[in-house]
């Protein structure tokens, strides 16, 4: 009898980690099946999955991850319809200066449908609770601008999800410094670029800061502007004397093509900085992707004196 119990216990324990780690797979499978079952109602048999955001329409990295996973699962069961590549969909939105979130605008959905040549778009939200995350999706017909299917699922915060959220939500594996209890984020993800802070050095009166940039989408051209700046711990502002993006540099702008999953270094240098400062309060780098400008900030940076 003891031997039987032992065998059952070992079997159960051996099974649990696998099931525990990948619990979200079943929930996303349910969502993909709902979409597949309703694609027959769409005239144009092509669907795109948009990034999921929070209830206020703000972008969430974990939402982007879940959108990627859902799109992949949908491709695996697609029968009689196509799934537009997520990178291609994002590129179209950028080129056409379009965006979609919850709540959506019917006219925007129709415009996206025309530009991306899709008959349906999947939009969604992610809510973060103590023990689970709640994912709600809508499948929207781009011809009518109306929702044809909806579903909400709860995904338990299993070991796998807990491991994913800190990375995807850009919580750093390391911190640069800490001021008044606020830790500096050492890496962050914006516009599908990962920006990893390397350091800031002070040599005489010149501050040089370096950031590694990793492109997580298709090959893209990125512009770094000389309007980038630093503010020291005493409130003084210093704009860039020179900027460098890979092998391209100058004082006004540096433009370069970033290859998928290959790091490229961005460098900021400013002169005539006060010698007595020992910390950068804010490093603000100004970028442009296509027609979309955006900024990346790192805070509370200790200076390495050379």
C-alpha atoms as a PDB file:
ATOM      1  CA  UNK A   1       0.000   0.000   0.000  1.00  0.00           C
ATOM      2  CA  UNK A   2       2.801   2.442   0.914  1.00  0.00           C
ATOM      3  CA  UNK A   3       4.514   1.624  -2.359  1.00  0.00           C
ATOM      4  CA  UNK A   4       1.387   2.487  -4.331  1.00  0.00           C
ATOM      5  CA  UNK A   5       0.968   5.798  -2.492  1.00  0.00           C
ATOM      6  CA  UNK A   6       4.631   6.622  -3.092  1.00  0.00           C
ATOM      7  CA  UNK A   7       4.299   5.924  -6.827  1.00  0.00           C
ATOM      8  CA  UNK A   8       1.172   8.084  -7.109  1.00  0.00           C
ATOM      9  CA  UNK A   9       2.808  10.920  -5.165  1.00  0.00           C
ATOM     10  CA  UNK A  10       5.916  10.881  -7.361  1.00  0.00           C
ATOM     11  CA  UNK A  11       3.764  10.839 -10.490  1.00  0.00           C
ATOM     12  CA  UNK A  12       1.713  13.806  -9.314  1.00  0.00           C
ATOM     13  CA  UNK A  13       4.784  15.833  -8.300  1.00  0.00           C
ATOM     14  CA  UNK A  14       6.453  15.099 -11.613  1.00  0.00           C
ATOM     15  CA  UNK A  15       3.407  16.360 -13.490  1.00  0.00           C
ATOM     16  CA  UNK A  16       2.677  19.513 -11.489  1.00  0.00           C
ATOM     17  CA  UNK A  17       5.702  21.685 -12.461  1.00  0.00           C
ATOM     18  CA  UNK A  18       4.984  21.313 -16.175  1.00  0.00           C
ATOM     19  CA  UNK A  19       1.306  22.116 -15.753  1.00  0.00           C
ATOM     20  CA  UNK A  20       2.080  24.874 -13.262  1.00  0.00           C
ATOM     21  CA  UNK A  21       4.645  26.621 -15.418  1.00  0.00           C
ATOM     22  CA  UNK A  22       2.586  26.732 -18.591  1.00  0.00           C
ATOM     23  CA  UNK A  23      -0.916  27.225 -17.237  1.00  0.00           C
ATOM     24  CA  UNK A  24      -1.529  30.256 -19.480  1.00  0.00           C
ATOM     25  CA  UNK A  25      -1.242  28.059 -22.594  1.00  0.00           C
ATOM     26  CA  UNK A  26      -4.765  26.648 -22.166  1.00  0.00           C
ATOM     27  CA  UNK A  27      -6.336  30.050 -21.600  1.00  0.00           C
ATOM     28  CA  UNK A  28      -4.727  31.507 -24.723  1.00  0.00           C
ATOM     29  CA  UNK A  29      -5.788  28.410 -26.642  1.00  0.00           C
ATOM     30  CA  UNK A  30      -9.404  29.161 -25.662  1.00  0.00           C
ATOM     31  CA  UNK A  31      -9.069  32.717 -26.937  1.00  0.00           C
ATOM     32  CA  UNK A  32      -7.519  31.639 -30.239  1.00  0.00           C
ATOM     33  CA  UNK A  33     -10.294  29.078 -30.748  1.00  0.00           C
ATOM     34  CA  UNK A  34     -12.945  31.760 -30.183  1.00  0.00           C
ATOM     35  CA  UNK A  35     -11.322  33.920 -32.856  1.00  0.00           C
ATOM     36  CA  UNK A  36     -11.007  31.022 -35.300  1.00  0.00           C
ATOM     37  CA  UNK A  37     -14.638  30.017 -34.795  1.00  0.00           C
ATOM     38  CA  UNK A  38     -15.826  33.522 -35.682  1.00  0.00           C
ATOM     39  CA  UNK A  39     -13.595  34.247 -38.661  1.00  0.00           C
ATOM     40  CA  UNK A  40     -16.241  32.677 -40.909  1.00  0.00           C
ATOM     41  CA  UNK A  41     -18.368  35.768 -40.257  1.00  0.00           C
ATOM     42  CA  UNK A  42     -15.696  38.024 -41.776  1.00  0.00           C
ATOM     43  CA  UNK A  43     -15.610  38.902 -45.474  1.00  0.00           C
ATOM     44  CA  UNK A  44     -11.846  39.367 -45.741  1.00  0.00           C
ATOM     45  CA  UNK A  45     -10.240  36.261 -44.249  1.00  0.00           C
ATOM     46  CA  UNK A  46      -7.317  37.976 -42.570  1.00  0.00           C
ATOM     47  CA  UNK A  47      -6.919  38.980 -38.930  1.00  0.00           C
ATOM     48  CA  UNK A  48      -4.397  41.023 -36.946  1.00  0.00           C
ATOM     49  CA  UNK A  49      -3.735  40.975 -33.202  1.00  0.00           C
ATOM     50  CA  UNK A  50      -3.055  44.391 -31.664  1.00  0.00           C
ATOM     51  CA  UNK A  51      -1.010  45.021 -28.516  1.00  0.00           C
ATOM     52  CA  UNK A  52      -3.064  44.627 -25.361  1.00  0.00           C
ATOM     53  CA  UNK A  53      -3.000  47.575 -22.956  1.00  0.00           C
ATOM     54  CA  UNK A  54      -4.413  48.519 -19.573  1.00  0.00           C
ATOM     55  CA  UNK A  55      -7.940  49.811 -18.988  1.00  0.00           C
ATOM     56  CA  UNK A  56      -6.806  53.391 -19.672  1.00  0.00           C
ATOM     57  CA  UNK A  57      -5.405  52.488 -23.077  1.00  0.00           C
ATOM     58  CA  UNK A  58      -1.771  52.638 -21.960  1.00  0.00           C
ATOM     59  CA  UNK A  59       0.728  50.217 -23.482  1.00  0.00           C
ATOM     60  CA  UNK A  60       1.812  47.256 -21.345  1.00  0.00           C
ATOM     61  CA  UNK A  61       4.817  45.129 -22.138  1.00  0.00           C
ATOM     62  CA  UNK A  62       3.141  42.056 -20.654  1.00  0.00           C
ATOM     63  CA  UNK A  63       0.183  42.830 -22.925  1.00  0.00           C
ATOM     64  CA  UNK A  64       2.498  42.834 -25.918  1.00  0.00           C
ATOM     65  CA  UNK A  65       3.860  39.456 -24.846  1.00  0.00           C
ATOM     66  CA  UNK A  66       0.385  37.940 -24.532  1.00  0.00           C
ATOM     67  CA  UNK A  67      -0.563  39.389 -27.924  1.00  0.00           C
ATOM     68  CA  UNK A  68       2.480  37.711 -29.466  1.00  0.00           C
ATOM     69  CA  UNK A  69       1.597  34.395 -27.836  1.00  0.00           C
ATOM     70  CA  UNK A  70      -2.033  34.615 -28.951  1.00  0.00           C
ATOM     71  CA  UNK A  71      -1.030  35.448 -32.516  1.00  0.00           C
ATOM     72  CA  UNK A  72       1.312  32.447 -32.603  1.00  0.00           C
ATOM     73  CA  UNK A  73      -1.394  30.098 -31.331  1.00  0.00           C
ATOM     74  CA  UNK A  74      -3.888  31.495 -33.808  1.00  0.00           C
ATOM     75  CA  UNK A  75      -1.514  30.764 -36.682  1.00  0.00           C
ATOM     76  CA  UNK A  76      -1.307  27.159 -35.500  1.00  0.00           C
ATOM     77  CA  UNK A  77      -5.046  26.564 -35.855  1.00  0.00           C
ATOM     78  CA  UNK A  78      -5.808  28.949 -38.750  1.00  0.00           C
ATOM     79  CA  UNK A  79      -7.961  27.191 -41.351  1.00  0.00           C
ATOM     80  CA  UNK A  80      -9.419  29.245 -44.170  1.00  0.00           C
ATOM     81  CA  UNK A  81      -7.998  32.541 -42.916  1.00  0.00           C
ATOM     82  CA  UNK A  82      -4.620  34.266 -42.475  1.00  0.00           C
ATOM     83  CA  UNK A  83      -2.974  35.854 -39.457  1.00  0.00           C
ATOM     84  CA  UNK A  84      -1.040  39.035 -40.241  1.00  0.00           C
ATOM     85  CA  UNK A  85       2.486  39.048 -38.817  1.00  0.00           C
ATOM     86  CA  UNK A  86       2.610  41.227 -35.716  1.00  0.00           C
ATOM     87  CA  UNK A  87       5.764  43.045 -36.828  1.00  0.00           C
ATOM     88  CA  UNK A  88       4.168  43.858 -40.189  1.00  0.00           C
ATOM     89  CA  UNK A  89       1.001  45.084 -38.461  1.00  0.00           C
ATOM     90  CA  UNK A  90       3.008  47.390 -36.176  1.00  0.00           C
ATOM     91  CA  UNK A  91       4.956  48.698 -39.165  1.00  0.00           C
ATOM     92  CA  UNK A  92       1.729  49.569 -40.999  1.00  0.00           C
ATOM     93  CA  UNK A  93       0.346  51.374 -37.948  1.00  0.00           C
ATOM     94  CA  UNK A  94       3.579  53.371 -37.628  1.00  0.00           C
ATOM     95  CA  UNK A  95       3.709  54.285 -41.315  1.00  0.00           C
ATOM     96  CA  UNK A  96       0.081  55.381 -41.364  1.00  0.00           C
ATOM     97  CA  UNK A  97       0.341  57.127 -37.957  1.00  0.00           C
ATOM     98  CA  UNK A  98      -2.492  55.001 -36.594  1.00  0.00           C
ATOM     99  CA  UNK A  99      -3.060  53.426 -33.204  1.00  0.00           C
ATOM    100  CA  UNK A 100      -5.787  51.376 -31.600  1.00  0.00           C
ATOM    101  CA  UNK A 101      -6.665  50.710 -27.982  1.00  0.00           C
ATOM    102  CA  UNK A 102      -9.633  50.125 -25.717  1.00  0.00           C
ATOM    103  CA  UNK A 103     -12.070  51.849 -26.015  1.00  0.00           C
ATOM    104  CA  UNK A 104     -11.653  51.930 -29.781  1.00  0.00           C
ATOM    105  CA  UNK A 105     -13.019  54.274 -32.446  1.00  0.00           C
ATOM    106  CA  UNK A 106     -15.028  52.643 -35.223  1.00  0.00           C
ATOM    107  CA  UNK A 107     -13.619  54.963 -37.880  1.00  0.00           C
ATOM    108  CA  UNK A 108     -10.047  54.101 -36.845  1.00  0.00           C
ATOM    109  CA  UNK A 109     -10.790  50.370 -37.014  1.00  0.00           C
ATOM    110  CA  UNK A 110     -12.166  50.743 -40.540  1.00  0.00           C
ATOM    111  CA  UNK A 111      -9.130  52.786 -41.599  1.00  0.00           C
ATOM    112  CA  UNK A 112      -6.744  50.169 -40.199  1.00  0.00           C
ATOM    113  CA  UNK A 113      -8.693  47.429 -41.947  1.00  0.00           C
ATOM    114  CA  UNK A 114      -8.215  49.197 -45.282  1.00  0.00           C
ATOM    115  CA  UNK A 115      -4.520  49.985 -44.797  1.00  0.00           C
ATOM    116  CA  UNK A 116      -3.555  46.569 -43.355  1.00  0.00           C
ATOM    117  CA  UNK A 117      -5.950  44.628 -45.599  1.00  0.00           C
ATOM    118  CA  UNK A 118      -7.453  42.766 -42.660  1.00  0.00           C
ATOM    119  CA  UNK A 119     -11.091  41.874 -42.101  1.00  0.00           C
ATOM    120  CA  UNK A 120     -10.799  41.668 -38.333  1.00  0.00           C
ATOM    121  CA  UNK A 121      -8.684  43.046 -35.506  1.00  0.00           C
ATOM    122  CA  UNK A 122      -8.243  41.567 -32.040  1.00  0.00           C
ATOM    123  CA  UNK A 123      -7.912  44.184 -29.303  1.00  0.00           C
ATOM    124  CA  UNK A 124      -7.642  43.511 -25.585  1.00  0.00           C
ATOM    125  CA  UNK A 125      -6.898  44.676 -22.070  1.00  0.00           C
ATOM    126  CA  UNK A 126      -4.861  43.238 -19.218  1.00  0.00           C
ATOM    127  CA  UNK A 127      -5.719  43.803 -15.554  1.00  0.00           C
ATOM    128  CA  UNK A 128      -3.159  42.919 -12.925  1.00  0.00           C
ATOM    129  CA  UNK A 129      -4.552  41.407  -9.708  1.00  0.00           C
ATOM    130  CA  UNK A 130      -2.859  39.886  -6.689  1.00  0.00           C
ATOM    131  CA  UNK A 131      -3.189  36.256  -7.735  1.00  0.00           C
ATOM    132  CA  UNK A 132      -4.033  36.455 -11.420  1.00  0.00           C
ATOM    133  CA  UNK A 133      -4.088  38.643 -14.491  1.00  0.00           C
ATOM    134  CA  UNK A 134      -7.364  39.174 -16.343  1.00  0.00           C
ATOM    135  CA  UNK A 135      -7.296  39.311 -20.138  1.00  0.00           C
ATOM    136  CA  UNK A 136     -10.329  40.572 -22.045  1.00  0.00           C
ATOM    137  CA  UNK A 137     -10.461  40.556 -25.854  1.00  0.00           C
ATOM    138  CA  UNK A 138     -12.780  41.804 -28.575  1.00  0.00           C
ATOM    139  CA  UNK A 139     -12.811  40.560 -32.161  1.00  0.00           C
ATOM    140  CA  UNK A 140     -13.831  43.536 -34.313  1.00  0.00           C
ATOM    141  CA  UNK A 141     -15.119  43.449 -37.883  1.00  0.00           C
ATOM    142  CA  UNK A 142     -13.191  46.162 -39.766  1.00  0.00           C
ATOM    143  CA  UNK A 143     -15.983  46.575 -42.333  1.00  0.00           C
ATOM    144  CA  UNK A 144     -18.662  47.452 -39.777  1.00  0.00           C
ATOM    145  CA  UNK A 145     -16.490  48.568 -36.874  1.00  0.00           C
ATOM    146  CA  UNK A 146     -18.557  46.342 -34.576  1.00  0.00           C
ATOM    147  CA  UNK A 147     -17.539  43.649 -32.092  1.00  0.00           C
ATOM    148  CA  UNK A 148     -18.520  40.165 -33.251  1.00  0.00           C
ATOM    149  CA  UNK A 149     -17.037  38.151 -30.364  1.00  0.00           C
ATOM    150  CA  UNK A 150     -15.705  38.819 -26.870  1.00  0.00           C
ATOM    151  CA  UNK A 151     -14.169  36.779 -24.095  1.00  0.00           C
ATOM    152  CA  UNK A 152     -12.536  37.320 -20.696  1.00  0.00           C
ATOM    153  CA  UNK A 153     -10.133  34.888 -19.073  1.00  0.00           C
ATOM    154  CA  UNK A 154      -8.193  34.832 -15.818  1.00  0.00           C
ATOM    155  CA  UNK A 155      -4.615  33.577 -15.927  1.00  0.00           C
ATOM    156  CA  UNK A 156      -3.191  32.456 -12.608  1.00  0.00           C
ATOM    157  CA  UNK A 157       0.100  34.024 -11.581  1.00  0.00           C
ATOM    158  CA  UNK A 158       1.966  30.778 -11.803  1.00  0.00           C
ATOM    159  CA  UNK A 159       5.727  30.552 -11.615  1.00  0.00           C
ATOM    160  CA  UNK A 160       5.969  31.101 -15.356  1.00  0.00           C
ATOM    161  CA  UNK A 161       3.821  34.240 -15.332  1.00  0.00           C
ATOM    162  CA  UNK A 162       5.587  35.677 -12.273  1.00  0.00           C
ATOM    163  CA  UNK A 163       8.928  35.133 -14.014  1.00  0.00           C
ATOM    164  CA  UNK A 164       7.697  36.823 -17.171  1.00  0.00           C
ATOM    165  CA  UNK A 165       6.067  39.916 -15.714  1.00  0.00           C
ATOM    166  CA  UNK A 166       9.209  41.500 -14.152  1.00  0.00           C
ATOM    167  CA  UNK A 167      11.140  41.134 -17.407  1.00  0.00           C
ATOM    168  CA  UNK A 168       8.320  42.249 -19.660  1.00  0.00           C
ATOM    169  CA  UNK A 169       7.278  45.121 -17.428  1.00  0.00           C
ATOM    170  CA  UNK A 170      10.866  46.404 -17.538  1.00  0.00           C
ATOM    171  CA  UNK A 171      11.537  45.909 -13.833  1.00  0.00           C
ATOM    172  CA  UNK A 172      15.345  45.884 -13.835  1.00  0.00           C
ATOM    173  CA  UNK A 173      17.499  42.923 -12.953  1.00  0.00           C
ATOM    174  CA  UNK A 174      19.875  45.528 -11.571  1.00  0.00           C
ATOM    175  CA  UNK A 175      19.508  49.144 -10.473  1.00  0.00           C
ATOM    176  CA  UNK A 176      21.716  52.118 -11.190  1.00  0.00           C
ATOM    177  CA  UNK A 177      21.169  53.915  -7.927  1.00  0.00           C
ATOM    178  CA  UNK A 178      18.575  54.976  -5.407  1.00  0.00           C
ATOM    179  CA  UNK A 179      17.393  58.397  -4.265  1.00  0.00           C
ATOM    180  CA  UNK A 180      14.699  58.871  -1.628  1.00  0.00           C
ATOM    181  CA  UNK A 181      13.749  55.240  -1.919  1.00  0.00           C
ATOM    182  CA  UNK A 182      13.286  55.358  -5.722  1.00  0.00           C
ATOM    183  CA  UNK A 183      15.379  52.827  -7.620  1.00  0.00           C
ATOM    184  CA  UNK A 184      16.663  53.617 -11.082  1.00  0.00           C
ATOM    185  CA  UNK A 185      15.436  51.363 -13.892  1.00  0.00           C
ATOM    186  CA  UNK A 186      18.446  49.972 -15.722  1.00  0.00           C
ATOM    187  CA  UNK A 187      16.520  48.721 -18.774  1.00  0.00           C
ATOM    188  CA  UNK A 188      13.220  49.473 -20.423  1.00  0.00           C
ATOM    189  CA  UNK A 189      11.313  48.535 -23.547  1.00  0.00           C
ATOM    190  CA  UNK A 190       9.788  51.198 -25.799  1.00  0.00           C
ATOM    191  CA  UNK A 191       8.597  50.873 -29.427  1.00  0.00           C
ATOM    192  CA  UNK A 192       9.948  47.293 -29.424  1.00  0.00           C
ATOM    193  CA  UNK A 193      13.458  48.512 -28.608  1.00  0.00           C
ATOM    194  CA  UNK A 194      15.136  47.426 -25.367  1.00  0.00           C
ATOM    195  CA  UNK A 195      17.267  50.207 -23.883  1.00  0.00           C
ATOM    196  CA  UNK A 196      19.918  48.910 -21.468  1.00  0.00           C
ATOM    197  CA  UNK A 197      21.822  51.521 -19.473  1.00  0.00           C
ATOM    198  CA  UNK A 198      25.608  51.003 -19.334  1.00  0.00           C
ATOM    199  CA  UNK A 199      26.958  53.961 -17.368  1.00  0.00           C
ATOM    200  CA  UNK A 200      27.947  57.624 -17.162  1.00  0.00           C
ATOM    201  CA  UNK A 201      31.554  58.795 -16.751  1.00  0.00           C
ATOM    202  CA  UNK A 202      32.864  62.210 -15.714  1.00  0.00           C
ATOM    203  CA  UNK A 203      36.266  63.150 -17.110  1.00  0.00           C
ATOM    204  CA  UNK A 204      37.355  66.696 -16.246  1.00  0.00           C
ATOM    205  CA  UNK A 205      34.183  68.567 -17.258  1.00  0.00           C
ATOM    206  CA  UNK A 206      32.819  66.103 -19.809  1.00  0.00           C
ATOM    207  CA  UNK A 207      30.063  63.605 -19.028  1.00  0.00           C
ATOM    208  CA  UNK A 208      29.723  60.624 -21.351  1.00  0.00           C
ATOM    209  CA  UNK A 209      26.765  58.242 -21.015  1.00  0.00           C
ATOM    210  CA  UNK A 210      26.250  54.965 -22.898  1.00  0.00           C
ATOM    211  CA  UNK A 211      23.144  52.913 -23.580  1.00  0.00           C
ATOM    212  CA  UNK A 212      22.859  49.651 -25.486  1.00  0.00           C
ATOM    213  CA  UNK A 213      19.834  49.411 -27.789  1.00  0.00           C
ATOM    214  CA  UNK A 214      18.443  46.048 -28.913  1.00  0.00           C
ATOM    215  CA  UNK A 215      15.883  46.005 -31.712  1.00  0.00           C
ATOM    216  CA  UNK A 216      13.177  43.394 -31.030  1.00  0.00           C
ATOM    217  CA  UNK A 217      11.260  43.843 -34.317  1.00  0.00           C
ATOM    218  CA  UNK A 218      12.309  43.827 -37.988  1.00  0.00           C
ATOM    219  CA  UNK A 219      15.338  45.841 -39.132  1.00  0.00           C
ATOM    220  CA  UNK A 220      14.532  49.546 -38.594  1.00  0.00           C
ATOM    221  CA  UNK A 221      16.158  52.966 -38.885  1.00  0.00           C
ATOM    222  CA  UNK A 222      16.336  54.946 -35.676  1.00  0.00           C
ATOM    223  CA  UNK A 223      17.334  58.578 -35.142  1.00  0.00           C
ATOM    224  CA  UNK A 224      19.026  59.916 -31.991  1.00  0.00           C
ATOM    225  CA  UNK A 225      18.859  63.703 -31.623  1.00  0.00           C
ATOM    226  CA  UNK A 226      21.304  66.205 -30.177  1.00  0.00           C
ATOM    227  CA  UNK A 227      18.418  67.680 -28.175  1.00  0.00           C
ATOM    228  CA  UNK A 228      19.056  64.826 -25.733  1.00  0.00           C
ATOM    229  CA  UNK A 229      20.110  66.180 -22.354  1.00  0.00           C
ATOM    230  CA  UNK A 230      21.130  65.533 -18.777  1.00  0.00           C
ATOM    231  CA  UNK A 231      20.144  67.299 -15.576  1.00  0.00           C
ATOM    232  CA  UNK A 232      22.537  67.149 -12.664  1.00  0.00           C
ATOM    233  CA  UNK A 233      21.629  66.734  -9.003  1.00  0.00           C
ATOM    234  CA  UNK A 234      21.706  70.537  -8.568  1.00  0.00           C
ATOM    235  CA  UNK A 235      19.161  71.220 -11.321  1.00  0.00           C
ATOM    236  CA  UNK A 236      21.598  72.324 -14.052  1.00  0.00           C
ATOM    237  CA  UNK A 237      20.765  71.271 -17.611  1.00  0.00           C
ATOM    238  CA  UNK A 238      23.331  70.179 -20.213  1.00  0.00           C
ATOM    239  CA  UNK A 239      22.491  69.363 -23.848  1.00  0.00           C
ATOM    240  CA  UNK A 240      24.545  67.041 -26.016  1.00  0.00           C
ATOM    241  CA  UNK A 241      27.838  68.209 -27.451  1.00  0.00           C
ATOM    242  CA  UNK A 242      28.086  65.044 -29.517  1.00  0.00           C
ATOM    243  CA  UNK A 243      25.896  61.983 -29.981  1.00  0.00           C
ATOM    244  CA  UNK A 244      26.736  58.610 -31.452  1.00  0.00           C
ATOM    245  CA  UNK A 245      24.507  55.779 -32.675  1.00  0.00           C
ATOM    246  CA  UNK A 246      26.707  52.880 -33.676  1.00  0.00           C
ATOM    247  CA  UNK A 247      29.153  54.220 -36.247  1.00  0.00           C
ATOM    248  CA  UNK A 248      27.089  57.323 -37.029  1.00  0.00           C
ATOM    249  CA  UNK A 249      27.446  60.519 -35.030  1.00  0.00           C
ATOM    250  CA  UNK A 250      27.306  64.291 -34.930  1.00  0.00           C
ATOM    251  CA  UNK A 251      25.953  67.190 -32.931  1.00  0.00           C
ATOM    252  CA  UNK A 252      22.434  67.475 -34.402  1.00  0.00           C
ATOM    253  CA  UNK A 253      21.343  63.905 -35.168  1.00  0.00           C
ATOM    254  CA  UNK A 254      22.657  60.375 -35.662  1.00  0.00           C
ATOM    255  CA  UNK A 255      20.748  57.933 -37.865  1.00  0.00           C
ATOM    256  CA  UNK A 256      21.420  54.209 -38.156  1.00  0.00           C
ATOM    257  CA  UNK A 257      19.700  50.934 -39.020  1.00  0.00           C
ATOM    258  CA  UNK A 258      19.290  48.541 -36.119  1.00  0.00           C
ATOM    259  CA  UNK A 259      19.232  44.848 -36.986  1.00  0.00           C
ATOM    260  CA  UNK A 260      16.840  42.460 -35.280  1.00  0.00           C
ATOM    261  CA  UNK A 261      18.211  41.207 -31.919  1.00  0.00           C
ATOM    262  CA  UNK A 262      21.637  42.829 -32.415  1.00  0.00           C
ATOM    263  CA  UNK A 263      22.764  45.435 -29.870  1.00  0.00           C
ATOM    264  CA  UNK A 264      23.947  48.876 -30.948  1.00  0.00           C
ATOM    265  CA  UNK A 265      25.533  51.423 -28.608  1.00  0.00           C
ATOM    266  CA  UNK A 266      24.199  54.961 -28.258  1.00  0.00           C
ATOM    267  CA  UNK A 267      26.529  57.523 -26.678  1.00  0.00           C
ATOM    268  CA  UNK A 268      25.778  60.983 -25.280  1.00  0.00           C
ATOM    269  CA  UNK A 269      28.515  63.499 -24.414  1.00  0.00           C
ATOM    270  CA  UNK A 270      28.153  66.909 -22.801  1.00  0.00           C
ATOM    271  CA  UNK A 271      30.897  69.383 -21.930  1.00  0.00           C
ATOM    272  CA  UNK A 272      31.394  72.153 -19.340  1.00  0.00           C
ATOM    273  CA  UNK A 273      29.698  70.163 -16.615  1.00  0.00           C
ATOM    274  CA  UNK A 274      30.271  71.278 -13.031  1.00  0.00           C
ATOM    275  CA  UNK A 275      33.187  69.350 -11.539  1.00  0.00           C
ATOM    276  CA  UNK A 276      31.594  69.011  -8.131  1.00  0.00           C
ATOM    277  CA  UNK A 277      28.569  66.947  -9.217  1.00  0.00           C
ATOM    278  CA  UNK A 278      28.642  63.219  -8.476  1.00  0.00           C
ATOM    279  CA  UNK A 279      25.260  62.202  -9.833  1.00  0.00           C
ATOM    280  CA  UNK A 280      23.074  62.693 -12.910  1.00  0.00           C
ATOM    281  CA  UNK A 281      19.464  63.244 -11.894  1.00  0.00           C
ATOM    282  CA  UNK A 282      18.066  62.500 -15.377  1.00  0.00           C
ATOM    283  CA  UNK A 283      19.519  61.283 -18.659  1.00  0.00           C
ATOM    284  CA  UNK A 284      16.922  61.978 -21.366  1.00  0.00           C
ATOM    285  CA  UNK A 285      17.571  60.631 -24.858  1.00  0.00           C
ATOM    286  CA  UNK A 286      15.409  61.919 -27.726  1.00  0.00           C
ATOM    287  CA  UNK A 287      14.648  59.478 -30.556  1.00  0.00           C
ATOM    288  CA  UNK A 288      12.527  59.260 -33.673  1.00  0.00           C
ATOM    289  CA  UNK A 289      11.189  56.094 -35.311  1.00  0.00           C
ATOM    290  CA  UNK A 290       9.634  56.875 -38.677  1.00  0.00           C
ATOM    291  CA  UNK A 291       7.434  59.878 -37.925  1.00  0.00           C
ATOM    292  CA  UNK A 292       7.041  59.017 -34.240  1.00  0.00           C
ATOM    293  CA  UNK A 293       9.269  60.894 -31.749  1.00  0.00           C
ATOM    294  CA  UNK A 294       9.770  59.416 -28.278  1.00  0.00           C
ATOM    295  CA  UNK A 295      12.055  59.841 -25.279  1.00  0.00           C
ATOM    296  CA  UNK A 296      13.884  57.436 -22.988  1.00  0.00           C
ATOM    297  CA  UNK A 297      14.821  58.491 -19.456  1.00  0.00           C
ATOM    298  CA  UNK A 298      17.185  57.043 -16.866  1.00  0.00           C
ATOM    299  CA  UNK A 299      17.289  58.583 -13.390  1.00  0.00           C
ATOM    300  CA  UNK A 300      19.516  58.832 -10.330  1.00  0.00           C
ATOM    301  CA  UNK A 301      22.750  57.867 -12.075  1.00  0.00           C
ATOM    302  CA  UNK A 302      25.993  57.872 -10.074  1.00  0.00           C
ATOM    303  CA  UNK A 303      28.945  59.245 -12.025  1.00  0.00           C
ATOM    304  CA  UNK A 304      32.124  57.279 -12.467  1.00  0.00           C
ATOM    305  CA  UNK A 305      34.992  59.779 -12.026  1.00  0.00           C
ATOM    306  CA  UNK A 306      37.944  59.303 -14.363  1.00  0.00           C
END
